[in-house]
Amino acid sequence: MELDLRVQQQDDRAVVHVSGEIDLATCPQLRDVLAELVDRGIYHLVVDLEQVSFLDSSGIGVLMGVYRRIREHGGSLRLTAPSAQVRRVLDLTRVTMVVPICATLDEATPIEQLDPLTSSNVNVE
């Protein structure tokens, strides 16, 4: 399965739009993109899950790993718009007890409107 990642960045904040399945095969690509953002000093992340059709424990591990890293820098992580199936996984693994889950991207982004000129697309197969 292909994982499509699109990043919108502004200063120390970014929104990562994820599309596809996050599983053992695709989670390294998500981890690499999120780690690169944190390595560049971007400590406020929103991960848009609206187009994610599947999430397994390896994907949970990636999200919690980046959460720990950005918290060390006083940052924040929010997840948005998960499907019912993805939300169930987040609830069962108690991610929802630690990471805020927002119904919409607008609700999750206390970020000013991101400049589309700073957006970059990362397509991973």
PDB file of N, CA and C in Angstrom:
ATOM      1  N   MET A   1       0.849  -1.193   0.000  1.00  0.00           N
ATOM      2  CA  MET A   1       0.000   0.000   0.000  1.00  0.00           C
ATOM      3  C   MET A   1       0.881   1.237   0.000  1.00  0.00           C
ATOM      4  N   GLU A   2       0.464   2.232  -0.703  1.00  0.00           N
ATOM      5  CA  GLU A   2       1.197   3.487  -0.779  1.00  0.00           C
ATOM      6  C   GLU A   2       0.772   4.425   0.344  1.00  0.00           C
ATOM      7  N   LEU A   3       1.741   5.153   0.869  1.00  0.00           N
ATOM      8  CA  LEU A   3       1.477   6.160   1.878  1.00  0.00           C
ATOM      9  C   LEU A   3       1.841   7.501   1.274  1.00  0.00           C
ATOM     10  N   ASP A   4       0.911   8.430   1.296  1.00  0.00           N
ATOM     11  CA  ASP A   4       1.153   9.763   0.768  1.00  0.00           C
ATOM     12  C   ASP A   4       1.252  10.727   1.943  1.00  0.00           C
ATOM     13  N   LEU A   5       2.325  11.494   1.969  1.00  0.00           N
ATOM     14  CA  LEU A   5       2.556  12.458   3.033  1.00  0.00           C
ATOM     15  C   LEU A   5       2.759  13.830   2.412  1.00  0.00           C
ATOM     16  N   ARG A   6       2.008  14.799   2.913  1.00  0.00           N
ATOM     17  CA  ARG A   6       2.149  16.179   2.442  1.00  0.00           C
ATOM     18  C   ARG A   6       2.359  17.055   3.664  1.00  0.00           C
ATOM     19  N   VAL A   7       3.403  17.876   3.625  1.00  0.00           N
ATOM     20  CA  VAL A   7       3.776  18.692   4.771  1.00  0.00           C
ATOM     21  C   VAL A   7       3.568  20.164   4.453  1.00  0.00           C
ATOM     22  N   GLN A   8       2.880  20.861   5.363  1.00  0.00           N
ATOM     23  CA  GLN A   8       2.767  22.315   5.321  1.00  0.00           C
ATOM     24  C   GLN A   8       3.498  22.821   6.550  1.00  0.00           C
ATOM     25  N   GLN A   9       4.462  23.703   6.323  1.00  0.00           N
ATOM     26  CA  GLN A   9       5.290  24.167   7.422  1.00  0.00           C
ATOM     27  C   GLN A   9       5.304  25.688   7.505  1.00  0.00           C
ATOM     28  N   GLN A  10       5.331  26.178   8.740  1.00  0.00           N
ATOM     29  CA  GLN A  10       5.505  27.604   8.990  1.00  0.00           C
ATOM     30  C   GLN A  10       6.272  27.744  10.294  1.00  0.00           C
ATOM     31  N   ASP A  11       7.461  28.321  10.209  1.00  0.00           N
ATOM     32  CA  ASP A  11       8.326  28.518  11.368  1.00  0.00           C
ATOM     33  C   ASP A  11       8.543  27.188  12.095  1.00  0.00           C
ATOM     34  N   ASP A  12       8.179  27.114  13.387  1.00  0.00           N
ATOM     35  CA  ASP A  12       8.411  25.892  14.160  1.00  0.00           C
ATOM     36  C   ASP A  12       7.169  25.021  14.238  1.00  0.00           C
ATOM     37  N   ARG A  13       6.257  25.189  13.273  1.00  0.00           N
ATOM     38  CA  ARG A  13       4.997  24.434  13.269  1.00  0.00           C
ATOM     39  C   ARG A  13       4.780  23.787  11.903  1.00  0.00           C
ATOM     40  N   ALA A  14       4.094  22.650  11.907  1.00  0.00           N
ATOM     41  CA  ALA A  14       3.795  21.979  10.643  1.00  0.00           C
ATOM     42  C   ALA A  14       2.537  21.142  10.774  1.00  0.00           C
ATOM     43  N   VAL A  15       1.871  20.996   9.643  1.00  0.00           N
ATOM     44  CA  VAL A  15       0.757  20.064   9.515  1.00  0.00           C
ATOM     45  C   VAL A  15       1.213  18.988   8.541  1.00  0.00           C
ATOM     46  N   VAL A  16       1.076  17.730   8.955  1.00  0.00           N
ATOM     47  CA  VAL A  16       1.423  16.593   8.103  1.00  0.00           C
ATOM     48  C   VAL A  16       0.123  15.906   7.711  1.00  0.00           C
ATOM     49  N   HIS A  17      -0.213  15.978   6.432  1.00  0.00           N
ATOM     50  CA  HIS A  17      -1.412  15.320   5.906  1.00  0.00           C
ATOM     51  C   HIS A  17      -1.004  13.919   5.469  1.00  0.00           C
ATOM     52  N   VAL A  18      -1.664  12.919   6.039  1.00  0.00           N
ATOM     53  CA  VAL A  18      -1.325  11.525   5.768  1.00  0.00           C
ATOM     54  C   VAL A  18      -2.490  10.876   5.032  1.00  0.00           C
ATOM     55  N   SER A  19      -2.162  10.106   4.003  1.00  0.00           N
ATOM     56  CA  SER A  19      -3.192   9.413   3.240  1.00  0.00           C
ATOM     57  C   SER A  19      -2.723   7.983   2.975  1.00  0.00           C
ATOM     58  N   GLY A  20      -3.607   7.014   3.244  1.00  0.00           N
ATOM     59  CA  GLY A  20      -3.273   5.611   3.014  1.00  0.00           C
ATOM     60  C   GLY A  20      -3.323   4.806   4.288  1.00  0.00           C
ATOM     61  N   GLU A  21      -2.533   3.742   4.340  1.00  0.00           N
ATOM     62  CA  GLU A  21      -2.480   2.858   5.496  1.00  0.00           C
ATOM     63  C   GLU A  21      -1.170   3.062   6.241  1.00  0.00           C
ATOM     64  N   ILE A  22      -1.261   3.195   7.563  1.00  0.00           N
ATOM     65  CA  ILE A  22      -0.062   3.291   8.399  1.00  0.00           C
ATOM     66  C   ILE A  22       0.102   1.940   9.074  1.00  0.00           C
ATOM     67  N   ASP A  23       1.062   1.176   8.579  1.00  0.00           N
ATOM     68  CA  ASP A  23       1.300  -0.162   9.112  1.00  0.00           C
ATOM     69  C   ASP A  23       2.799  -0.433   9.146  1.00  0.00           C
ATOM     70  N   LEU A  24       3.175  -1.659   9.424  1.00  0.00           N
ATOM     71  CA  LEU A  24       4.580  -2.023   9.548  1.00  0.00           C
ATOM     72  C   LEU A  24       5.372  -1.672   8.292  1.00  0.00           C
ATOM     73  N   ALA A  25       4.755  -1.812   7.136  1.00  0.00           N
ATOM     74  CA  ALA A  25       5.457  -1.547   5.879  1.00  0.00           C
ATOM     75  C   ALA A  25       5.633  -0.051   5.603  1.00  0.00           C
ATOM     76  N   THR A  26       4.679   0.774   6.029  1.00  0.00           N
ATOM     77  CA  THR A  26       4.714   2.199   5.677  1.00  0.00           C
ATOM     78  C   THR A  26       5.155   3.114   6.808  1.00  0.00           C
ATOM     79  N   CYS A  27       5.133   2.621   8.042  1.00  0.00           N
ATOM     80  CA  CYS A  27       5.454   3.510   9.167  1.00  0.00           C
ATOM     81  C   CYS A  27       6.876   4.058   9.138  1.00  0.00           C
ATOM     82  N   PRO A  28       7.871   3.374   8.543  1.00  0.00           N
ATOM     83  CA  PRO A  28       9.196   3.997   8.487  1.00  0.00           C
ATOM     84  C   PRO A  28       9.200   5.326   7.711  1.00  0.00           C
ATOM     85  N   GLN A  29       8.391   5.415   6.670  1.00  0.00           N
ATOM     86  CA  GLN A  29       8.326   6.665   5.915  1.00  0.00           C
ATOM     87  C   GLN A  29       7.719   7.780   6.755  1.00  0.00           C
ATOM     88  N   LEU A  30       6.660   7.463   7.495  1.00  0.00           N
ATOM     89  CA  LEU A  30       6.054   8.462   8.375  1.00  0.00           C
ATOM     90  C   LEU A  30       7.046   8.866   9.464  1.00  0.00           C
ATOM     91  N   ARG A  31       7.713   7.895  10.051  1.00  0.00           N
ATOM     92  CA  ARG A  31       8.702   8.183  11.092  1.00  0.00           C
ATOM     93  C   ARG A  31       9.810   9.098  10.546  1.00  0.00           C
ATOM     94  N   ASP A  32      10.285   8.814   9.339  1.00  0.00           N
ATOM     95  CA  ASP A  32      11.356   9.623   8.749  1.00  0.00           C
ATOM     96  C   ASP A  32      10.928  11.069   8.540  1.00  0.00           C
ATOM     97  N   VAL A  33       9.711  11.269   8.035  1.00  0.00           N
ATOM     98  CA  VAL A  33       9.220  12.631   7.798  1.00  0.00           C
ATOM     99  C   VAL A  33       9.044  13.377   9.118  1.00  0.00           C
ATOM    100  N   LEU A  34       8.439  12.731  10.102  1.00  0.00           N
ATOM    101  CA  LEU A  34       8.232  13.380  11.395  1.00  0.00           C
ATOM    102  C   LEU A  34       9.566  13.657  12.088  1.00  0.00           C
ATOM    103  N   ALA A  35      10.494  12.703  12.028  1.00  0.00           N
ATOM    104  CA  ALA A  35      11.808  12.896  12.655  1.00  0.00           C
ATOM    105  C   ALA A  35      12.570  14.033  11.988  1.00  0.00           C
ATOM    106  N   GLU A  36      12.475  14.130  10.683  1.00  0.00           N
ATOM    107  CA  GLU A  36      13.150  15.219   9.974  1.00  0.00           C
ATOM    108  C   GLU A  36      12.608  16.578  10.410  1.00  0.00           C
ATOM    109  N   LEU A  37      11.295  16.665  10.573  1.00  0.00           N
ATOM    110  CA  LEU A  37      10.701  17.919  11.038  1.00  0.00           C
ATOM    111  C   LEU A  37      11.229  18.290  12.417  1.00  0.00           C
ATOM    112  N   VAL A  38      11.231  17.328  13.330  1.00  0.00           N
ATOM    113  CA  VAL A  38      11.714  17.588  14.688  1.00  0.00           C
ATOM    114  C   VAL A  38      13.202  17.939  14.662  1.00  0.00           C
ATOM    115  N   ASP A  39      13.980  17.234  13.850  1.00  0.00           N
ATOM    116  CA  ASP A  39      15.407  17.527  13.741  1.00  0.00           C
ATOM    117  C   ASP A  39      15.660  18.953  13.250  1.00  0.00           C
ATOM    118  N   ARG A  40      14.725  19.483  12.462  1.00  0.00           N
ATOM    119  CA  ARG A  40      14.852  20.856  11.951  1.00  0.00           C
ATOM    120  C   ARG A  40      14.277  21.887  12.921  1.00  0.00           C
ATOM    121  N   GLY A  41      13.868  21.450  14.104  1.00  0.00           N
ATOM    122  CA  GLY A  41      13.386  22.390  15.112  1.00  0.00           C
ATOM    123  C   GLY A  41      11.909  22.696  15.040  1.00  0.00           C
ATOM    124  N   ILE A  42      11.159  21.849  14.376  1.00  0.00           N
ATOM    125  CA  ILE A  42       9.707  22.024  14.293  1.00  0.00           C
ATOM    126  C   ILE A  42       9.087  21.168  15.387  1.00  0.00           C
ATOM    127  N   TYR A  43       8.616  21.851  16.450  1.00  0.00           N
ATOM    128  CA  TYR A  43       8.172  21.159  17.648  1.00  0.00           C
ATOM    129  C   TYR A  43       6.663  21.225  17.887  1.00  0.00           C
ATOM    130  N   HIS A  44       5.922  21.805  16.978  1.00  0.00           N
ATOM    131  CA  HIS A  44       4.462  21.838  17.092  1.00  0.00           C
ATOM    132  C   HIS A  44       3.908  21.193  15.829  1.00  0.00           C
ATOM    133  N   LEU A  45       3.380  19.977  16.000  1.00  0.00           N
ATOM    134  CA  LEU A  45       2.926  19.190  14.854  1.00  0.00           C
ATOM    135  C   LEU A  45       1.449  18.849  14.967  1.00  0.00           C
ATOM    136  N   VAL A  46       0.799  18.904  13.827  1.00  0.00           N
ATOM    137  CA  VAL A  46      -0.557  18.393  13.674  1.00  0.00           C
ATOM    138  C   VAL A  46      -0.471  17.302  12.615  1.00  0.00           C
ATOM    139  N   VAL A  47      -0.952  16.116  12.943  1.00  0.00           N
ATOM    140  CA  VAL A  47      -0.980  15.014  11.990  1.00  0.00           C
ATOM    141  C   VAL A  47      -2.438  14.798  11.592  1.00  0.00           C
ATOM    142  N   ASP A  48      -2.718  15.089  10.330  1.00  0.00           N
ATOM    143  CA  ASP A  48      -4.075  14.981   9.787  1.00  0.00           C
ATOM    144  C   ASP A  48      -4.307  13.541   9.336  1.00  0.00           C
ATOM    145  N   LEU A  49      -5.200  12.844  10.024  1.00  0.00           N
ATOM    146  CA  LEU A  49      -5.475  11.425   9.756  1.00  0.00           C
ATOM    147  C   LEU A  49      -6.754  11.202   8.945  1.00  0.00           C
ATOM    148  N   GLU A  50      -7.318  12.252   8.414  1.00  0.00           N
ATOM    149  CA  GLU A  50      -8.607  12.124   7.740  1.00  0.00           C
ATOM    150  C   GLU A  50      -8.592  11.094   6.612  1.00  0.00           C
ATOM    151  N   GLN A  51      -7.500  10.988   5.883  1.00  0.00           N
ATOM    152  CA  GLN A  51      -7.418  10.061   4.746  1.00  0.00           C
ATOM    153  C   GLN A  51      -6.700   8.756   5.078  1.00  0.00           C
ATOM    154  N   VAL A  52      -6.541   8.474   6.373  1.00  0.00           N
ATOM    155  CA  VAL A  52      -5.891   7.231   6.796  1.00  0.00           C
ATOM    156  C   VAL A  52      -6.962   6.162   6.963  1.00  0.00           C
ATOM    157  N   SER A  53      -6.800   5.062   6.242  1.00  0.00           N
ATOM    158  CA  SER A  53      -7.807   3.996   6.279  1.00  0.00           C
ATOM    159  C   SER A  53      -7.464   2.888   7.271  1.00  0.00           C
ATOM    160  N   PHE A  54      -6.208   2.843   7.730  1.00  0.00           N
ATOM    161  CA  PHE A  54      -5.782   1.769   8.628  1.00  0.00           C
ATOM    162  C   PHE A  54      -4.613   2.264   9.458  1.00  0.00           C
ATOM    163  N   LEU A  55      -4.595   1.889  10.730  1.00  0.00           N
ATOM    164  CA  LEU A  55      -3.505   2.238  11.640  1.00  0.00           C
ATOM    165  C   LEU A  55      -3.269   1.051  12.556  1.00  0.00           C
ATOM    166  N   ASP A  56      -2.021   0.563  12.603  1.00  0.00           N
ATOM    167  CA  ASP A  56      -1.722  -0.548  13.507  1.00  0.00           C
ATOM    168  C   ASP A  56      -0.747  -0.102  14.584  1.00  0.00           C
ATOM    169  N   SER A  57      -0.298  -1.050  15.399  1.00  0.00           N
ATOM    170  CA  SER A  57       0.543  -0.721  16.548  1.00  0.00           C
ATOM    171  C   SER A  57       1.878  -0.099  16.151  1.00  0.00           C
ATOM    172  N   SER A  58       2.388  -0.447  14.985  1.00  0.00           N
ATOM    173  CA  SER A  58       3.645   0.172  14.556  1.00  0.00           C
ATOM    174  C   SER A  58       3.442   1.661  14.282  1.00  0.00           C
ATOM    175  N   GLY A  59       2.297   2.017  13.744  1.00  0.00           N
ATOM    176  CA  GLY A  59       1.971   3.432  13.541  1.00  0.00           C
ATOM    177  C   GLY A  59       1.785   4.161  14.857  1.00  0.00           C
ATOM    178  N   ILE A  60       1.160   3.487  15.831  1.00  0.00           N
ATOM    179  CA  ILE A  60       1.013   4.066  17.171  1.00  0.00           C
ATOM    180  C   ILE A  60       2.399   4.331  17.758  1.00  0.00           C
ATOM    181  N   GLY A  61       3.306   3.397  17.566  1.00  0.00           N
ATOM    182  CA  GLY A  61       4.669   3.563  18.056  1.00  0.00           C
ATOM    183  C   GLY A  61       5.353   4.783  17.457  1.00  0.00           C
ATOM    184  N   VAL A  62       5.153   5.025  16.182  1.00  0.00           N
ATOM    185  CA  VAL A  62       5.729   6.201  15.523  1.00  0.00           C
ATOM    186  C   VAL A  62       5.147   7.476  16.126  1.00  0.00           C
ATOM    187  N   LEU A  63       3.829   7.524  16.267  1.00  0.00           N
ATOM    188  CA  LEU A  63       3.187   8.727  16.815  1.00  0.00           C
ATOM    189  C   LEU A  63       3.637   8.995  18.248  1.00  0.00           C
ATOM    190  N   MET A  64       3.719   7.956  19.069  1.00  0.00           N
ATOM    191  CA  MET A  64       4.126   8.157  20.459  1.00  0.00           C
ATOM    192  C   MET A  64       5.618   8.502  20.554  1.00  0.00           C
ATOM    193  N   GLY A  65       6.416   7.961  19.656  1.00  0.00           N
ATOM    194  CA  GLY A  65       7.839   8.299  19.632  1.00  0.00           C
ATOM    195  C   GLY A  65       8.067   9.768  19.315  1.00  0.00           C
ATOM    196  N   VAL A  66       7.354  10.281  18.320  1.00  0.00           N
ATOM    197  CA  VAL A  66       7.503  11.704  17.983  1.00  0.00           C
ATOM    198  C   VAL A  66       6.904  12.569  19.078  1.00  0.00           C
ATOM    199  N   TYR A  67       5.836  12.095  19.702  1.00  0.00           N
ATOM    200  CA  TYR A  67       5.250  12.837  20.815  1.00  0.00           C
ATOM    201  C   TYR A  67       6.283  13.033  21.932  1.00  0.00           C
ATOM    202  N   ARG A  68       6.976  11.971  22.299  1.00  0.00           N
ATOM    203  CA  ARG A  68       7.993  12.072  23.355  1.00  0.00           C
ATOM    204  C   ARG A  68       9.106  13.037  22.964  1.00  0.00           C
ATOM    205  N   ARG A  69       9.548  12.962  21.714  1.00  0.00           N
ATOM    206  CA  ARG A  69      10.638  13.837  21.267  1.00  0.00           C
ATOM    207  C   ARG A  69      10.244  15.310  21.303  1.00  0.00           C
ATOM    208  N   ILE A  70       9.060  15.632  20.823  1.00  0.00           N
ATOM    209  CA  ILE A  70       8.698  17.054  20.780  1.00  0.00           C
ATOM    210  C   ILE A  70       8.351  17.586  22.165  1.00  0.00           C
ATOM    211  N   ARG A  71       7.864  16.743  23.047  1.00  0.00           N
ATOM    212  CA  ARG A  71       7.585  17.187  24.420  1.00  0.00           C
ATOM    213  C   ARG A  71       8.877  17.569  25.144  1.00  0.00           C
ATOM    214  N   GLU A  72       9.974  16.915  24.806  1.00  0.00           N
ATOM    215  CA  GLU A  72      11.275  17.267  25.386  1.00  0.00           C
ATOM    216  C   GLU A  72      11.663  18.712  25.063  1.00  0.00           C
ATOM    217  N   HIS A  73      11.097  19.237  23.994  1.00  0.00           N
ATOM    218  CA  HIS A  73      11.401  20.596  23.543  1.00  0.00           C
ATOM    219  C   HIS A  73      10.251  21.560  23.824  1.00  0.00           C
ATOM    220  N   GLY A  74       9.304  21.136  24.644  1.00  0.00           N
ATOM    221  CA  GLY A  74       8.165  21.991  24.954  1.00  0.00           C
ATOM    222  C   GLY A  74       7.166  22.092  23.816  1.00  0.00           C
ATOM    223  N   GLY A  75       7.188  21.136  22.911  1.00  0.00           N
ATOM    224  CA  GLY A  75       6.309  21.162  21.748  1.00  0.00           C
ATOM    225  C   GLY A  75       4.970  20.495  21.992  1.00  0.00           C
ATOM    226  N   SER A  76       4.222  20.354  20.910  1.00  0.00           N
ATOM    227  CA  SER A  76       2.886  19.762  21.015  1.00  0.00           C
ATOM    228  C   SER A  76       2.591  18.908  19.786  1.00  0.00           C
ATOM    229  N   LEU A  77       1.753  17.918  19.989  1.00  0.00           N
ATOM    230  CA  LEU A  77       1.279  17.054  18.917  1.00  0.00           C
ATOM    231  C   LEU A  77      -0.226  16.978  19.025  1.00  0.00           C
ATOM    232  N   ARG A  78      -0.898  17.139  17.886  1.00  0.00           N
ATOM    233  CA  ARG A  78      -2.349  16.947  17.815  1.00  0.00           C
ATOM    234  C   ARG A  78      -2.639  16.050  16.620  1.00  0.00           C
ATOM    235  N   LEU A  79      -3.644  15.210  16.773  1.00  0.00           N
ATOM    236  CA  LEU A  79      -4.108  14.358  15.688  1.00  0.00           C
ATOM    237  C   LEU A  79      -5.487  14.840  15.281  1.00  0.00           C
ATOM    238  N   THR A  80      -5.774  14.809  13.981  1.00  0.00           N
ATOM    239  CA  THR A  80      -7.074  15.310  13.537  1.00  0.00           C
ATOM    240  C   THR A  80      -7.819  14.317  12.664  1.00  0.00           C
ATOM    241  N   ALA A  81      -9.114  14.420  12.754  1.00  0.00           N
ATOM    242  CA  ALA A  81     -10.095  13.788  11.861  1.00  0.00           C
ATOM    243  C   ALA A  81      -9.886  12.303  11.595  1.00  0.00           C
ATOM    244  N   PRO A  82      -9.610  11.488  12.616  1.00  0.00           N
ATOM    245  CA  PRO A  82      -9.472  10.061  12.336  1.00  0.00           C
ATOM    246  C   PRO A  82     -10.829   9.443  11.993  1.00  0.00           C
ATOM    247  N   SER A  83     -10.796   8.447  11.114  1.00  0.00           N
ATOM    248  CA  SER A  83     -12.015   7.692  10.809  1.00  0.00           C
ATOM    249  C   SER A  83     -12.439   6.938  12.066  1.00  0.00           C
ATOM    250  N   ALA A  84     -13.634   6.373  12.045  1.00  0.00           N
ATOM    251  CA  ALA A  84     -14.124   5.611  13.199  1.00  0.00           C
ATOM    252  C   ALA A  84     -13.186   4.448  13.524  1.00  0.00           C
ATOM    253  N   GLN A  85     -12.698   3.767  12.490  1.00  0.00           N
ATOM    254  CA  GLN A  85     -11.804   2.621  12.689  1.00  0.00           C
ATOM    255  C   GLN A  85     -10.474   3.069  13.303  1.00  0.00           C
ATOM    256  N   VAL A  86      -9.904   4.139  12.792  1.00  0.00           N
ATOM    257  CA  VAL A  86      -8.633   4.646  13.319  1.00  0.00           C
ATOM    258  C   VAL A  86      -8.836   5.195  14.727  1.00  0.00           C
ATOM    259  N   ARG A  87      -9.942   5.879  14.952  1.00  0.00           N
ATOM    260  CA  ARG A  87     -10.245   6.411  16.293  1.00  0.00           C
ATOM    261  C   ARG A  87     -10.356   5.280  17.313  1.00  0.00           C
ATOM    262  N   ARG A  88     -10.931   4.171  16.898  1.00  0.00           N
ATOM    263  CA  ARG A  88     -11.066   3.020  17.803  1.00  0.00           C
ATOM    264  C   ARG A  88      -9.699   2.517  18.231  1.00  0.00           C
ATOM    265  N   VAL A  89      -8.760   2.431  17.298  1.00  0.00           N
ATOM    266  CA  VAL A  89      -7.398   2.004  17.626  1.00  0.00           C
ATOM    267  C   VAL A  89      -6.751   3.007  18.589  1.00  0.00           C
ATOM    268  N   LEU A  90      -6.945   4.292  18.330  1.00  0.00           N
ATOM    269  CA  LEU A  90      -6.391   5.325  19.209  1.00  0.00           C
ATOM    270  C   LEU A  90      -6.990   5.234  20.616  1.00  0.00           C
ATOM    271  N   ASP A  91      -8.285   4.954  20.694  1.00  0.00           N
ATOM    272  CA  ASP A  91      -8.951   4.802  21.994  1.00  0.00           C
ATOM    273  C   ASP A  91      -8.452   3.550  22.729  1.00  0.00           C
ATOM    274  N   LEU A  92      -8.410   2.412  22.026  1.00  0.00           N
ATOM    275  CA  LEU A  92      -8.005   1.151  22.653  1.00  0.00           C
ATOM    276  C   LEU A  92      -6.569   1.189  23.162  1.00  0.00           C
ATOM    277  N   THR A  93      -5.710   1.927  22.469  1.00  0.00           N
ATOM    278  CA  THR A  93      -4.308   2.017  22.879  1.00  0.00           C
ATOM    279  C   THR A  93      -4.065   3.185  23.832  1.00  0.00           C
ATOM    280  N   ARG A  94      -5.135   3.878  24.177  1.00  0.00           N
ATOM    281  CA  ARG A  94      -5.099   4.999  25.121  1.00  0.00           C
ATOM    282  C   ARG A  94      -4.262   6.187  24.650  1.00  0.00           C
ATOM    283  N   VAL A  95      -4.031   6.260  23.354  1.00  0.00           N
ATOM    284  CA  VAL A  95      -3.351   7.428  22.801  1.00  0.00           C
ATOM    285  C   VAL A  95      -4.183   8.672  23.089  1.00  0.00           C
ATOM    286  N   THR A  96      -5.488   8.513  23.082  1.00  0.00           N
ATOM    287  CA  THR A  96      -6.384   9.647  23.311  1.00  0.00           C
ATOM    288  C   THR A  96      -6.264  10.215  24.721  1.00  0.00           C
ATOM    289  N   MET A  97      -5.659   9.474  25.625  1.00  0.00           N
ATOM    290  CA  MET A  97      -5.450   9.968  26.989  1.00  0.00           C
ATOM    291  C   MET A  97      -4.240  10.906  27.055  1.00  0.00           C
ATOM    292  N   VAL A  98      -3.396  10.853  26.031  1.00  0.00           N
ATOM    293  CA  VAL A  98      -2.141  11.596  26.033  1.00  0.00           C
ATOM    294  C   VAL A  98      -2.108  12.682  24.958  1.00  0.00           C
ATOM    295  N   VAL A  99      -2.561  12.334  23.777  1.00  0.00           N
ATOM    296  CA  VAL A  99      -2.484  13.228  22.619  1.00  0.00           C
ATOM    297  C   VAL A  99      -3.880  13.746  22.293  1.00  0.00           C
ATOM    298  N   PRO A 100      -4.037  15.065  22.183  1.00  0.00           N
ATOM    299  CA  PRO A 100      -5.351  15.610  21.812  1.00  0.00           C
ATOM    300  C   PRO A 100      -5.782  15.142  20.417  1.00  0.00           C
ATOM    301  N   ILE A 101      -7.048  14.751  20.309  1.00  0.00           N
ATOM    302  CA  ILE A 101      -7.636  14.355  19.039  1.00  0.00           C
ATOM    303  C   ILE A 101      -8.691  15.407  18.695  1.00  0.00           C
ATOM    304  N   CYS A 102      -8.559  16.021  17.559  1.00  0.00           N
ATOM    305  CA  CYS A 102      -9.487  17.068  17.137  1.00  0.00           C
ATOM    306  C   CYS A 102     -10.328  16.569  15.971  1.00  0.00           C
ATOM    307  N   ALA A 103     -11.575  16.979  15.950  1.00  0.00           N
ATOM    308  CA  ALA A 103     -12.500  16.527  14.915  1.00  0.00           C
ATOM    309  C   ALA A 103     -12.140  17.084  13.539  1.00  0.00           C
ATOM    310  N   THR A 104     -11.615  18.301  13.518  1.00  0.00           N
ATOM    311  CA  THR A 104     -11.288  18.935  12.239  1.00  0.00           C
ATOM    312  C   THR A 104      -9.895  19.538  12.291  1.00  0.00           C
ATOM    313  N   LEU A 105      -9.349  19.778  11.129  1.00  0.00           N
ATOM    314  CA  LEU A 105      -8.046  20.419  11.029  1.00  0.00           C
ATOM    315  C   LEU A 105      -8.100  21.843  11.568  1.00  0.00           C
ATOM    316  N   ASP A 106      -9.180  22.555  11.293  1.00  0.00           N
ATOM    317  CA  ASP A 106      -9.319  23.927  11.797  1.00  0.00           C
ATOM    318  C   ASP A 106      -9.286  23.969  13.317  1.00  0.00           C
ATOM    319  N   GLU A 107      -9.915  22.994  13.930  1.00  0.00           N
ATOM    320  CA  GLU A 107      -9.939  22.919  15.397  1.00  0.00           C
ATOM    321  C   GLU A 107      -8.542  22.648  15.965  1.00  0.00           C
ATOM    322  N   ALA A 108      -7.736  21.923  15.213  1.00  0.00           N
ATOM    323  CA  ALA A 108      -6.420  21.502  15.702  1.00  0.00           C
ATOM    324  C   ALA A 108      -5.314  22.509  15.460  1.00  0.00           C
ATOM    325  N   THR A 109      -5.529  23.415  14.555  1.00  0.00           N
ATOM    326  CA  THR A 109      -4.442  24.307  14.180  1.00  0.00           C
ATOM    327  C   THR A 109      -4.620  25.696  14.736  1.00  0.00           C
ATOM    328  N   PRO A 110      -4.017  25.931  15.885  1.00  0.00           N
ATOM    329  CA  PRO A 110      -3.958  27.285  16.369  1.00  0.00           C
ATOM    330  C   PRO A 110      -2.817  27.991  15.639  1.00  0.00           C
ATOM    331  N   ILE A 111      -2.539  27.451  14.475  1.00  0.00           N
ATOM    332  CA  ILE A 111      -1.502  27.986  13.605  1.00  0.00           C
ATOM    333  C   ILE A 111      -2.190  28.941  12.644  1.00  0.00           C
ATOM    334  N   GLU A 112      -1.568  30.086  12.407  1.00  0.00           N
ATOM    335  CA  GLU A 112      -2.131  30.983  11.408  1.00  0.00           C
ATOM    336  C   GLU A 112      -2.220  30.219  10.096  1.00  0.00           C
ATOM    337  N   GLN A 113      -2.975  30.747   9.172  1.00  0.00           N
ATOM    338  CA  GLN A 113      -3.115  30.098   7.871  1.00  0.00           C
ATOM    339  C   GLN A 113      -1.728  29.819   7.300  1.00  0.00           C
ATOM    340  N   LEU A 114      -1.465  28.570   6.976  1.00  0.00           N
ATOM    341  CA  LEU A 114      -0.153  28.206   6.467  1.00  0.00           C
ATOM    342  C   LEU A 114      -0.004  28.664   5.026  1.00  0.00           C
ATOM    343  N   ASP A 115       1.150  29.163   4.722  1.00  0.00           N
ATOM    344  CA  ASP A 115       1.461  29.643   3.385  1.00  0.00           C
ATOM    345  C   ASP A 115       1.653  28.448   2.457  1.00  0.00           C
ATOM    346  N   PRO A 116       0.834  28.318   1.413  1.00  0.00           N
ATOM    347  CA  PRO A 116       0.979  27.170   0.521  1.00  0.00           C
ATOM    348  C   PRO A 116       2.330  27.143  -0.190  1.00  0.00           C
ATOM    349  N   LEU A 117       3.005  28.261  -0.249  1.00  0.00           N
ATOM    350  CA  LEU A 117       4.311  28.293  -0.903  1.00  0.00           C
ATOM    351  C   LEU A 117       5.370  27.574  -0.083  1.00  0.00           C
ATOM    352  N   THR A 118       5.126  27.347   1.204  1.00  0.00           N
ATOM    353  CA  THR A 118       6.093  26.638   2.030  1.00  0.00           C
ATOM    354  C   THR A 118       5.743  25.155   2.144  1.00  0.00           C
ATOM    355  N   SER A 119       4.707  24.729   1.452  1.00  0.00           N
ATOM    356  CA  SER A 119       4.307  23.326   1.502  1.00  0.00           C
ATOM    357  C   SER A 119       5.230  22.491   0.636  1.00  0.00           C
ATOM    358  N   SER A 120       5.425  21.254   1.045  1.00  0.00           N
ATOM    359  CA  SER A 120       6.187  20.326   0.226  1.00  0.00           C
ATOM    360  C   SER A 120       5.436  19.009   0.216  1.00  0.00           C
ATOM    361  N   ASN A 121       5.561  18.309  -0.872  1.00  0.00           N
ATOM    362  CA  ASN A 121       4.901  17.009  -0.998  1.00  0.00           C
ATOM    363  C   ASN A 121       5.941  15.912  -0.915  1.00  0.00           C
ATOM    364  N   VAL A 122       5.613  14.868  -0.186  1.00  0.00           N
ATOM    365  CA  VAL A 122       6.471  13.699  -0.091  1.00  0.00           C
ATOM    366  C   VAL A 122       5.599  12.518  -0.438  1.00  0.00           C
ATOM    367  N   ASN A 123       5.893  11.871  -1.536  1.00  0.00           N
ATOM    368  CA  ASN A 123       5.152  10.675  -1.916  1.00  0.00           C
ATOM    369  C   ASN A 123       6.040   9.472  -1.681  1.00  0.00           C
ATOM    370  N   VAL A 124       5.537   8.524  -0.921  1.00  0.00           N
ATOM    371  CA  VAL A 124       6.315   7.347  -0.566  1.00  0.00           C
ATOM    372  C   VAL A 124       5.561   6.125  -1.043  1.00  0.00           C
ATOM    373  N   GLU A 125       6.277   5.243  -1.685  1.00  0.00           N
ATOM    374  CA  GLU A 125       5.628   4.013  -2.142  1.00  0.00           C
ATOM    375  C   GLU A 125       6.084   2.841  -1.329  1.00  0.00           C
TER     376      GLU A 125
END
